[in-house]
Amino acid sequence: MTSKKESKSFALPDVLRDLALLRVSQVRLDSLVPTFPISPSRNAEFDSDLEKSYQFTKEARAAIRLRNAGKVEDEAGRLEAVRSGLEEFVKGLEDGRV
């Protein structure tokens, strides 16, 4: 992340000029935003989608943390050792040694 010193803020004279132009133009900013009614069922659908998005994000972050911690590679190594041991065991059964 950038520190506060590295981030650039808007130039104050430009911001003041833009605000003055908006005020003089007498354009109501709220008239520029479209308004449409949202039904309760549609709102519930949005809430459901939002909850799914939060859940996906939570699980993705957990997976990334696991990957970055190296735990996946550790478990893969253990699984490979178990798999090779089981293969040797099965081979021994097939050869009649066990």
PDB file of N, CA and C in Angstrom:
ATOM      1  N   MET A   1       0.839  -1.167   0.000  1.00  0.00           N
ATOM      2  CA  MET A   1       0.000   0.000   0.000  1.00  0.00           C
ATOM      3  C   MET A   1       0.889   1.237   0.000  1.00  0.00           C
ATOM      4  N   THR A   2       0.376   2.298  -0.536  1.00  0.00           N
ATOM      5  CA  THR A   2       1.142   3.531  -0.567  1.00  0.00           C
ATOM      6  C   THR A   2       0.971   4.274   0.739  1.00  0.00           C
ATOM      7  N   SER A   3       2.040   4.935   1.126  1.00  0.00           N
ATOM      8  CA  SER A   3       1.935   5.731   2.344  1.00  0.00           C
ATOM      9  C   SER A   3       1.241   7.042   2.028  1.00  0.00           C
ATOM     10  N   LYS A   4       0.923   7.764   3.071  1.00  0.00           N
ATOM     11  CA  LYS A   4       0.200   9.023   2.898  1.00  0.00           C
ATOM     12  C   LYS A   4       1.051  10.031   2.131  1.00  0.00           C
ATOM     13  N   LYS A   5       2.367   9.988   2.325  1.00  0.00           N
ATOM     14  CA  LYS A   5       3.251  10.922   1.637  1.00  0.00           C
ATOM     15  C   LYS A   5       3.335  10.609   0.145  1.00  0.00           C
ATOM     16  N   GLU A   6       3.223   9.337  -0.225  1.00  0.00           N
ATOM     17  CA  GLU A   6       3.339   8.938  -1.621  1.00  0.00           C
ATOM     18  C   GLU A   6       2.070   9.213  -2.414  1.00  0.00           C
ATOM     19  N   SER A   7       0.925   9.216  -1.772  1.00  0.00           N
ATOM     20  CA  SER A   7      -0.324   9.404  -2.500  1.00  0.00           C
ATOM     21  C   SER A   7      -0.507  10.870  -2.855  1.00  0.00           C
ATOM     22  N   LYS A   8      -1.031  11.087  -4.055  1.00  0.00           N
ATOM     23  CA  LYS A   8      -1.248  12.455  -4.517  1.00  0.00           C
ATOM     24  C   LYS A   8      -2.695  12.836  -4.258  1.00  0.00           C
ATOM     25  N   SER A   9      -2.878  14.009  -3.726  1.00  0.00           N
ATOM     26  CA  SER A   9      -4.230  14.508  -3.524  1.00  0.00           C
ATOM     27  C   SER A   9      -4.595  15.388  -4.708  1.00  0.00           C
ATOM     28  N   PHE A  10      -5.871  15.693  -4.814  1.00  0.00           N
ATOM     29  CA  PHE A  10      -6.322  16.582  -5.873  1.00  0.00           C
ATOM     30  C   PHE A  10      -5.776  17.985  -5.613  1.00  0.00           C
ATOM     31  N   ALA A  11      -5.478  18.668  -6.691  1.00  0.00           N
ATOM     32  CA  ALA A  11      -5.004  20.047  -6.552  1.00  0.00           C
ATOM     33  C   ALA A  11      -6.167  20.909  -6.081  1.00  0.00           C
ATOM     34  N   LEU A  12      -5.981  21.583  -4.968  1.00  0.00           N
ATOM     35  CA  LEU A  12      -7.053  22.365  -4.361  1.00  0.00           C
ATOM     36  C   LEU A  12      -7.639  23.417  -5.302  1.00  0.00           C
ATOM     37  N   PRO A  13      -6.831  24.169  -6.045  1.00  0.00           N
ATOM     38  CA  PRO A  13      -7.430  25.163  -6.950  1.00  0.00           C
ATOM     39  C   PRO A  13      -8.341  24.529  -8.001  1.00  0.00           C
ATOM     40  N   ASP A  14      -7.942  23.350  -8.506  1.00  0.00           N
ATOM     41  CA  ASP A  14      -8.775  22.672  -9.508  1.00  0.00           C
ATOM     42  C   ASP A  14     -10.093  22.208  -8.905  1.00  0.00           C
ATOM     43  N   VAL A  15     -10.033  21.688  -7.701  1.00  0.00           N
ATOM     44  CA  VAL A  15     -11.248  21.218  -7.030  1.00  0.00           C
ATOM     45  C   VAL A  15     -12.184  22.385  -6.757  1.00  0.00           C
ATOM     46  N   LEU A  16     -11.634  23.475  -6.270  1.00  0.00           N
ATOM     47  CA  LEU A  16     -12.464  24.651  -5.987  1.00  0.00           C
ATOM     48  C   LEU A  16     -13.084  25.208  -7.265  1.00  0.00           C
ATOM     49  N   ARG A  17     -12.330  25.213  -8.348  1.00  0.00           N
ATOM     50  CA  ARG A  17     -12.862  25.681  -9.628  1.00  0.00           C
ATOM     51  C   ARG A  17     -14.012  24.792 -10.091  1.00  0.00           C
ATOM     52  N   ASP A  18     -13.817  23.464  -9.995  1.00  0.00           N
ATOM     53  CA  ASP A  18     -14.865  22.527 -10.413  1.00  0.00           C
ATOM     54  C   ASP A  18     -16.125  22.695  -9.574  1.00  0.00           C
ATOM     55  N   LEU A  19     -15.954  22.861  -8.272  1.00  0.00           N
ATOM     56  CA  LEU A  19     -17.117  23.057  -7.404  1.00  0.00           C
ATOM     57  C   LEU A  19     -17.833  24.363  -7.727  1.00  0.00           C
ATOM     58  N   ALA A  20     -17.067  25.398  -8.023  1.00  0.00           N
ATOM     59  CA  ALA A  20     -17.680  26.684  -8.386  1.00  0.00           C
ATOM     60  C   ALA A  20     -18.459  26.561  -9.687  1.00  0.00           C
ATOM     61  N   LEU A  21     -17.907  25.834 -10.649  1.00  0.00           N
ATOM     62  CA  LEU A  21     -18.614  25.632 -11.920  1.00  0.00           C
ATOM     63  C   LEU A  21     -19.914  24.863 -11.717  1.00  0.00           C
ATOM     64  N   LEU A  22     -19.880  23.867 -10.862  1.00  0.00           N
ATOM     65  CA  LEU A  22     -21.103  23.109 -10.578  1.00  0.00           C
ATOM     66  C   LEU A  22     -22.152  23.998  -9.925  1.00  0.00           C
ATOM     67  N   ARG A  23     -21.714  24.830  -9.015  1.00  0.00           N
ATOM     68  CA  ARG A  23     -22.657  25.704  -8.320  1.00  0.00           C
ATOM     69  C   ARG A  23     -23.271  26.728  -9.276  1.00  0.00           C
ATOM     70  N   VAL A  24     -22.476  27.281 -10.151  1.00  0.00           N
ATOM     71  CA  VAL A  24     -22.955  28.292 -11.093  1.00  0.00           C
ATOM     72  C   VAL A  24     -23.860  27.671 -12.153  1.00  0.00           C
ATOM     73  N   SER A  25     -23.587  26.433 -12.526  1.00  0.00           N
ATOM     74  CA  SER A  25     -24.372  25.803 -13.592  1.00  0.00           C
ATOM     75  C   SER A  25     -25.797  25.487 -13.149  1.00  0.00           C
ATOM     76  N   GLN A  26     -26.052  25.480 -11.870  1.00  0.00           N
ATOM     77  CA  GLN A  26     -27.368  25.209 -11.290  1.00  0.00           C
ATOM     78  C   GLN A  26     -27.921  23.841 -11.703  1.00  0.00           C
ATOM     79  N   VAL A  27     -27.028  22.907 -11.896  1.00  0.00           N
ATOM     80  CA  VAL A  27     -27.428  21.529 -12.174  1.00  0.00           C
ATOM     81  C   VAL A  27     -27.564  20.816 -10.840  1.00  0.00           C
ATOM     82  N   ARG A  28     -28.717  20.197 -10.647  1.00  0.00           N
ATOM     83  CA  ARG A  28     -28.919  19.425  -9.419  1.00  0.00           C
ATOM     84  C   ARG A  28     -28.286  18.052  -9.621  1.00  0.00           C
ATOM     85  N   LEU A  29     -27.310  17.747  -8.791  1.00  0.00           N
ATOM     86  CA  LEU A  29     -26.597  16.486  -8.942  1.00  0.00           C
ATOM     87  C   LEU A  29     -27.502  15.287  -8.715  1.00  0.00           C
ATOM     88  N   ASP A  30     -28.483  15.426  -7.834  1.00  0.00           N
ATOM     89  CA  ASP A  30     -29.383  14.302  -7.585  1.00  0.00           C
ATOM     90  C   ASP A  30     -30.241  13.995  -8.808  1.00  0.00           C
ATOM     91  N   SER A  31     -30.403  14.950  -9.711  1.00  0.00           N
ATOM     92  CA  SER A  31     -31.179  14.683 -10.926  1.00  0.00           C
ATOM     93  C   SER A  31     -30.383  13.852 -11.924  1.00  0.00           C
ATOM     94  N   LEU A  32     -29.076  13.782 -11.758  1.00  0.00           N
ATOM     95  CA  LEU A  32     -28.238  13.003 -12.661  1.00  0.00           C
ATOM     96  C   LEU A  32     -28.203  11.524 -12.299  1.00  0.00           C
ATOM     97  N   VAL A  33     -28.575  11.199 -11.077  1.00  0.00           N
ATOM     98  CA  VAL A  33     -28.566   9.814 -10.618  1.00  0.00           C
ATOM     99  C   VAL A  33     -29.920   9.193 -10.933  1.00  0.00           C
ATOM    100  N   PRO A  34     -29.922   8.080 -11.677  1.00  0.00           N
ATOM    101  CA  PRO A  34     -31.208   7.462 -12.002  1.00  0.00           C
ATOM    102  C   PRO A  34     -31.875   6.889 -10.754  1.00  0.00           C
ATOM    103  N   THR A  35     -33.155   7.069 -10.675  1.00  0.00           N
ATOM    104  CA  THR A  35     -33.916   6.501  -9.558  1.00  0.00           C
ATOM    105  C   THR A  35     -34.870   5.458 -10.108  1.00  0.00           C
ATOM    106  N   PHE A  36     -34.893   4.331  -9.470  1.00  0.00           N
ATOM    107  CA  PHE A  36     -35.826   3.281  -9.847  1.00  0.00           C
ATOM    108  C   PHE A  36     -36.191   2.523  -8.583  1.00  0.00           C
ATOM    109  N   PRO A  37     -37.446   2.184  -8.472  1.00  0.00           N
ATOM    110  CA  PRO A  37     -37.865   1.471  -7.256  1.00  0.00           C
ATOM    111  C   PRO A  37     -37.366   0.024  -7.279  1.00  0.00           C
ATOM    112  N   ILE A  38     -36.972  -0.443  -6.120  1.00  0.00           N
ATOM    113  CA  ILE A  38     -36.534  -1.828  -5.980  1.00  0.00           C
ATOM    114  C   ILE A  38     -37.563  -2.545  -5.126  1.00  0.00           C
ATOM    115  N   SER A  39     -38.123  -3.603  -5.694  1.00  0.00           N
ATOM    116  CA  SER A  39     -39.136  -4.354  -4.958  1.00  0.00           C
ATOM    117  C   SER A  39     -38.475  -5.135  -3.824  1.00  0.00           C
ATOM    118  N   PRO A  40     -39.234  -5.477  -2.788  1.00  0.00           N
ATOM    119  CA  PRO A  40     -38.655  -6.236  -1.666  1.00  0.00           C
ATOM    120  C   PRO A  40     -38.071  -7.582  -2.095  1.00  0.00           C
ATOM    121  N   SER A  41     -38.722  -8.253  -3.053  1.00  0.00           N
ATOM    122  CA  SER A  41     -38.189  -9.542  -3.494  1.00  0.00           C
ATOM    123  C   SER A  41     -36.871  -9.348  -4.237  1.00  0.00           C
ATOM    124  N   ARG A  42     -36.788  -8.284  -4.995  1.00  0.00           N
ATOM    125  CA  ARG A  42     -35.550  -7.975  -5.715  1.00  0.00           C
ATOM    126  C   ARG A  42     -34.448  -7.609  -4.717  1.00  0.00           C
ATOM    127  N   ASN A  43     -34.817  -6.886  -3.673  1.00  0.00           N
ATOM    128  CA  ASN A  43     -33.864  -6.515  -2.639  1.00  0.00           C
ATOM    129  C   ASN A  43     -33.335  -7.765  -1.929  1.00  0.00           C
ATOM    130  N   ALA A  44     -34.212  -8.728  -1.669  1.00  0.00           N
ATOM    131  CA  ALA A  44     -33.791  -9.981  -1.035  1.00  0.00           C
ATOM    132  C   ALA A  44     -32.834 -10.744  -1.948  1.00  0.00           C
ATOM    133  N   GLU A  45     -33.092 -10.684  -3.251  1.00  0.00           N
ATOM    134  CA  GLU A  45     -32.208 -11.341  -4.217  1.00  0.00           C
ATOM    135  C   GLU A  45     -30.822 -10.694  -4.192  1.00  0.00           C
ATOM    136  N   PHE A  46     -30.796  -9.359  -4.128  1.00  0.00           N
ATOM    137  CA  PHE A  46     -29.523  -8.653  -4.030  1.00  0.00           C
ATOM    138  C   PHE A  46     -28.790  -9.043  -2.753  1.00  0.00           C
ATOM    139  N   ASP A  47     -29.520  -9.126  -1.644  1.00  0.00           N
ATOM    140  CA  ASP A  47     -28.906  -9.501  -0.372  1.00  0.00           C
ATOM    141  C   ASP A  47     -28.321 -10.906  -0.447  1.00  0.00           C
ATOM    142  N   SER A  48     -29.051 -11.821  -1.093  1.00  0.00           N
ATOM    143  CA  SER A  48     -28.572 -13.190  -1.243  1.00  0.00           C
ATOM    144  C   SER A  48     -27.295 -13.226  -2.082  1.00  0.00           C
ATOM    145  N   ASP A  49     -27.303 -12.499  -3.199  1.00  0.00           N
ATOM    146  CA  ASP A  49     -26.115 -12.445  -4.049  1.00  0.00           C
ATOM    147  C   ASP A  49     -24.934 -11.820  -3.316  1.00  0.00           C
ATOM    148  N   LEU A  50     -25.212 -10.797  -2.532  1.00  0.00           N
ATOM    149  CA  LEU A  50     -24.158 -10.138  -1.771  1.00  0.00           C
ATOM    150  C   LEU A  50     -23.561 -11.088  -0.737  1.00  0.00           C
ATOM    151  N   GLU A  51     -24.413 -11.850  -0.069  1.00  0.00           N
ATOM    152  CA  GLU A  51     -23.939 -12.816   0.921  1.00  0.00           C
ATOM    153  C   GLU A  51     -23.077 -13.887   0.251  1.00  0.00           C
ATOM    154  N   LYS A  52     -23.496 -14.359  -0.927  1.00  0.00           N
ATOM    155  CA  LYS A  52     -22.696 -15.348  -1.665  1.00  0.00           C
ATOM    156  C   LYS A  52     -21.338 -14.766  -2.047  1.00  0.00           C
ATOM    157  N   SER A  53     -21.330 -13.504  -2.431  1.00  0.00           N
ATOM    158  CA  SER A  53     -20.081 -12.845  -2.800  1.00  0.00           C
ATOM    159  C   SER A  53     -19.147 -12.747  -1.599  1.00  0.00           C
ATOM    160  N   TYR A  54     -19.698 -12.374  -0.441  1.00  0.00           N
ATOM    161  CA  TYR A  54     -18.884 -12.303   0.774  1.00  0.00           C
ATOM    162  C   TYR A  54     -18.329 -13.682   1.141  1.00  0.00           C
ATOM    163  N   GLN A  55     -19.143 -14.719   1.010  1.00  0.00           N
ATOM    164  CA  GLN A  55     -18.701 -16.071   1.334  1.00  0.00           C
ATOM    165  C   GLN A  55     -17.582 -16.516   0.390  1.00  0.00           C
ATOM    166  N   PHE A  56     -17.754 -16.237  -0.906  1.00  0.00           N
ATOM    167  CA  PHE A  56     -16.721 -16.586  -1.881  1.00  0.00           C
ATOM    168  C   PHE A  56     -15.410 -15.873  -1.553  1.00  0.00           C
ATOM    169  N   THR A  57     -15.509 -14.590  -1.236  1.00  0.00           N
ATOM    170  CA  THR A  57     -14.320 -13.807  -0.908  1.00  0.00           C
ATOM    171  C   THR A  57     -13.624 -14.364   0.326  1.00  0.00           C
ATOM    172  N   LYS A  58     -14.408 -14.727   1.331  1.00  0.00           N
ATOM    173  CA  LYS A  58     -13.848 -15.284   2.567  1.00  0.00           C
ATOM    174  C   LYS A  58     -13.103 -16.588   2.281  1.00  0.00           C
ATOM    175  N   GLU A  59     -13.713 -17.471   1.485  1.00  0.00           N
ATOM    176  CA  GLU A  59     -13.082 -18.751   1.175  1.00  0.00           C
ATOM    177  C   GLU A  59     -11.854 -18.571   0.287  1.00  0.00           C
ATOM    178  N   ALA A  60     -11.917 -17.635  -0.648  1.00  0.00           N
ATOM    179  CA  ALA A  60     -10.764 -17.379  -1.514  1.00  0.00           C
ATOM    180  C   ALA A  60      -9.591 -16.851  -0.702  1.00  0.00           C
ATOM    181  N   ARG A  61      -9.868 -15.947   0.229  1.00  0.00           N
ATOM    182  CA  ARG A  61      -8.793 -15.413   1.072  1.00  0.00           C
ATOM    183  C   ARG A  61      -8.186 -16.506   1.944  1.00  0.00           C
ATOM    184  N   ALA A  62      -9.022 -17.404   2.452  1.00  0.00           N
ATOM    185  CA  ALA A  62      -8.512 -18.508   3.271  1.00  0.00           C
ATOM    186  C   ALA A  62      -7.616 -19.418   2.432  1.00  0.00           C
ATOM    187  N   ALA A  63      -8.022 -19.694   1.197  1.00  0.00           N
ATOM    188  CA  ALA A  63      -7.212 -20.535   0.312  1.00  0.00           C
ATOM    189  C   ALA A  63      -5.883 -19.863  -0.015  1.00  0.00           C
ATOM    190  N   ILE A  64      -5.909 -18.571  -0.236  1.00  0.00           N
ATOM    191  CA  ILE A  64      -4.674 -17.840  -0.531  1.00  0.00           C
ATOM    192  C   ILE A  64      -3.748 -17.842   0.680  1.00  0.00           C
ATOM    193  N   ARG A  65      -4.317 -17.676   1.881  1.00  0.00           N
ATOM    194  CA  ARG A  65      -3.495 -17.718   3.101  1.00  0.00           C
ATOM    195  C   ARG A  65      -2.844 -19.090   3.256  1.00  0.00           C
ATOM    196  N   LEU A  66      -3.603 -20.159   2.993  1.00  0.00           N
ATOM    197  CA  LEU A  66      -3.038 -21.508   3.083  1.00  0.00           C
ATOM    198  C   LEU A  66      -1.896 -21.685   2.093  1.00  0.00           C
ATOM    199  N   ARG A  67      -2.122 -21.228   0.879  1.00  0.00           N
ATOM    200  CA  ARG A  67      -1.096 -21.360  -0.154  1.00  0.00           C
ATOM    201  C   ARG A  67       0.150 -20.572   0.225  1.00  0.00           C
ATOM    202  N   ASN A  68      -0.030 -19.364   0.691  1.00  0.00           N
ATOM    203  CA  ASN A  68       1.113 -18.528   1.048  1.00  0.00           C
ATOM    204  C   ASN A  68       1.850 -19.052   2.273  1.00  0.00           C
ATOM    205  N   ALA A  69       1.160 -19.767   3.135  1.00  0.00           N
ATOM    206  CA  ALA A  69       1.790 -20.305   4.338  1.00  0.00           C
ATOM    207  C   ALA A  69       2.586 -21.574   4.045  1.00  0.00           C
ATOM    208  N   GLY A  70       2.438 -22.136   2.847  1.00  0.00           N
ATOM    209  CA  GLY A  70       3.172 -23.341   2.489  1.00  0.00           C
ATOM    210  C   GLY A  70       2.535 -24.613   3.013  1.00  0.00           C
ATOM    211  N   LYS A  71       1.360 -24.521   3.600  1.00  0.00           N
ATOM    212  CA  LYS A  71       0.719 -25.706   4.172  1.00  0.00           C
ATOM    213  C   LYS A  71       0.275 -26.684   3.095  1.00  0.00           C
ATOM    214  N   VAL A  72      -0.098 -26.169   1.939  1.00  0.00           N
ATOM    215  CA  VAL A  72      -0.539 -27.044   0.850  1.00  0.00           C
ATOM    216  C   VAL A  72       0.616 -27.934   0.406  1.00  0.00           C
ATOM    217  N   GLU A  73       1.802 -27.346   0.244  1.00  0.00           N
ATOM    218  CA  GLU A  73       2.965 -28.126  -0.171  1.00  0.00           C
ATOM    219  C   GLU A  73       3.345 -29.153   0.894  1.00  0.00           C
ATOM    220  N   ASP A  74       3.236 -28.768   2.169  1.00  0.00           N
ATOM    221  CA  ASP A  74       3.540 -29.703   3.254  1.00  0.00           C
ATOM    222  C   ASP A  74       2.605 -30.906   3.210  1.00  0.00           C
ATOM    223  N   GLU A  75       1.311 -30.638   3.052  1.00  0.00           N
ATOM    224  CA  GLU A  75       0.333 -31.726   2.986  1.00  0.00           C
ATOM    225  C   GLU A  75       0.548 -32.575   1.739  1.00  0.00           C
ATOM    226  N   ALA A  76       0.913 -31.933   0.631  1.00  0.00           N
ATOM    227  CA  ALA A  76       1.168 -32.687  -0.601  1.00  0.00           C
ATOM    228  C   ALA A  76       2.337 -33.642  -0.397  1.00  0.00           C
ATOM    229  N   GLY A  77       3.357 -33.200   0.306  1.00  0.00           N
ATOM    230  CA  GLY A  77       4.499 -34.070   0.592  1.00  0.00           C
ATOM    231  C   GLY A  77       4.104 -35.258   1.455  1.00  0.00           C
ATOM    232  N   ARG A  78       3.289 -35.002   2.466  1.00  0.00           N
ATOM    233  CA  ARG A  78       2.828 -36.100   3.328  1.00  0.00           C
ATOM    234  C   ARG A  78       1.959 -37.077   2.548  1.00  0.00           C
ATOM    235  N   LEU A  79       1.075 -36.559   1.713  1.00  0.00           N
ATOM    236  CA  LEU A  79       0.216 -37.435   0.912  1.00  0.00           C
ATOM    237  C   LEU A  79       1.032 -38.277  -0.060  1.00  0.00           C
ATOM    238  N   GLU A  80       2.058 -37.686  -0.644  1.00  0.00           N
ATOM    239  CA  GLU A  80       2.918 -38.426  -1.569  1.00  0.00           C
ATOM    240  C   GLU A  80       3.639 -39.558  -0.841  1.00  0.00           C
ATOM    241  N   ALA A  81       4.092 -39.301   0.389  1.00  0.00           N
ATOM    242  CA  ALA A  81       4.766 -40.342   1.168  1.00  0.00           C
ATOM    243  C   ALA A  81       3.808 -41.483   1.491  1.00  0.00           C
ATOM    244  N   VAL A  82       2.575 -41.150   1.860  1.00  0.00           N
ATOM    245  CA  VAL A  82       1.575 -42.183   2.162  1.00  0.00           C
ATOM    246  C   VAL A  82       1.242 -42.971   0.905  1.00  0.00           C
ATOM    247  N   ARG A  83       1.090 -42.256  -0.224  1.00  0.00           N
ATOM    248  CA  ARG A  83       0.755 -42.925  -1.480  1.00  0.00           C
ATOM    249  C   ARG A  83       1.855 -43.907  -1.886  1.00  0.00           C
ATOM    250  N   SER A  84       3.106 -43.485  -1.792  1.00  0.00           N
ATOM    251  CA  SER A  84       4.195 -44.385  -2.183  1.00  0.00           C
ATOM    252  C   SER A  84       4.271 -45.585  -1.234  1.00  0.00           C
ATOM    253  N   GLY A  85       4.005 -45.350   0.056  1.00  0.00           N
ATOM    254  CA  GLY A  85       3.982 -46.468   1.000  1.00  0.00           C
ATOM    255  C   GLY A  85       2.880 -47.461   0.681  1.00  0.00           C
ATOM    256  N   LEU A  86       1.706 -46.960   0.331  1.00  0.00           N
ATOM    257  CA  LEU A  86       0.599 -47.846  -0.039  1.00  0.00           C
ATOM    258  C   LEU A  86       0.894 -48.593  -1.330  1.00  0.00           C
ATOM    259  N   GLU A  87       1.555 -47.949  -2.277  1.00  0.00           N
ATOM    260  CA  GLU A  87       1.915 -48.630  -3.520  1.00  0.00           C
ATOM    261  C   GLU A  87       2.882 -49.778  -3.245  1.00  0.00           C
ATOM    262  N   GLU A  88       3.851 -49.555  -2.355  1.00  0.00           N
ATOM    263  CA  GLU A  88       4.790 -50.616  -1.988  1.00  0.00           C
ATOM    264  C   GLU A  88       4.058 -51.753  -1.284  1.00  0.00           C
ATOM    265  N   PHE A  89       3.095 -51.409  -0.430  1.00  0.00           N
ATOM    266  CA  PHE A  89       2.314 -52.420   0.276  1.00  0.00           C
ATOM    267  C   PHE A  89       1.519 -53.271  -0.710  1.00  0.00           C
ATOM    268  N   VAL A  90       0.842 -52.617  -1.662  1.00  0.00           N
ATOM    269  CA  VAL A  90       0.055 -53.344  -2.665  1.00  0.00           C
ATOM    270  C   VAL A  90       0.972 -54.211  -3.518  1.00  0.00           C
ATOM    271  N   LYS A  91       2.128 -53.687  -3.887  1.00  0.00           N
ATOM    272  CA  LYS A  91       3.072 -54.471  -4.682  1.00  0.00           C
ATOM    273  C   LYS A  91       3.531 -55.699  -3.898  1.00  0.00           C
ATOM    274  N   GLY A  92       3.756 -55.529  -2.590  1.00  0.00           N
ATOM    275  CA  GLY A  92       4.136 -56.658  -1.748  1.00  0.00           C
ATOM    276  C   GLY A  92       3.028 -57.695  -1.668  1.00  0.00           C
ATOM    277  N   LEU A  93       1.759 -57.245  -1.591  1.00  0.00           N
ATOM    278  CA  LEU A  93       0.634 -58.179  -1.581  1.00  0.00           C
ATOM    279  C   LEU A  93       0.559 -58.952  -2.887  1.00  0.00           C
ATOM    280  N   GLU A  94       0.785 -58.255  -3.981  1.00  0.00           N
ATOM    281  CA  GLU A  94       0.720 -58.911  -5.287  1.00  0.00           C
ATOM    282  C   GLU A  94       1.850 -59.915  -5.458  1.00  0.00           C
ATOM    283  N   ASP A  95       3.007 -59.630  -4.898  1.00  0.00           N
ATOM    284  CA  ASP A  95       4.148 -60.536  -4.996  1.00  0.00           C
ATOM    285  C   ASP A  95       4.069 -61.651  -3.955  1.00  0.00           C
ATOM    286  N   GLY A  96       3.139 -61.550  -3.019  1.00  0.00           N
ATOM    287  CA  GLY A  96       2.953 -62.565  -1.997  1.00  0.00           C
ATOM    288  C   GLY A  96       3.942 -62.470  -0.861  1.00  0.00           C
ATOM    289  N   ARG A  97       4.560 -61.315  -0.700  1.00  0.00           N
ATOM    290  CA  ARG A  97       5.542 -61.152   0.362  1.00  0.00           C
ATOM    291  C   ARG A  97       4.911 -60.756   1.681  1.00  0.00           C
ATOM    292  N   VAL A  98       3.718 -60.233   1.670  1.00  0.00           N
ATOM    293  CA  VAL A  98       3.115 -59.767   2.916  1.00  0.00           C
ATOM    294  C   VAL A  98       2.107 -60.764   3.405  1.00  0.00           C
TER     295      VAL A  98
END
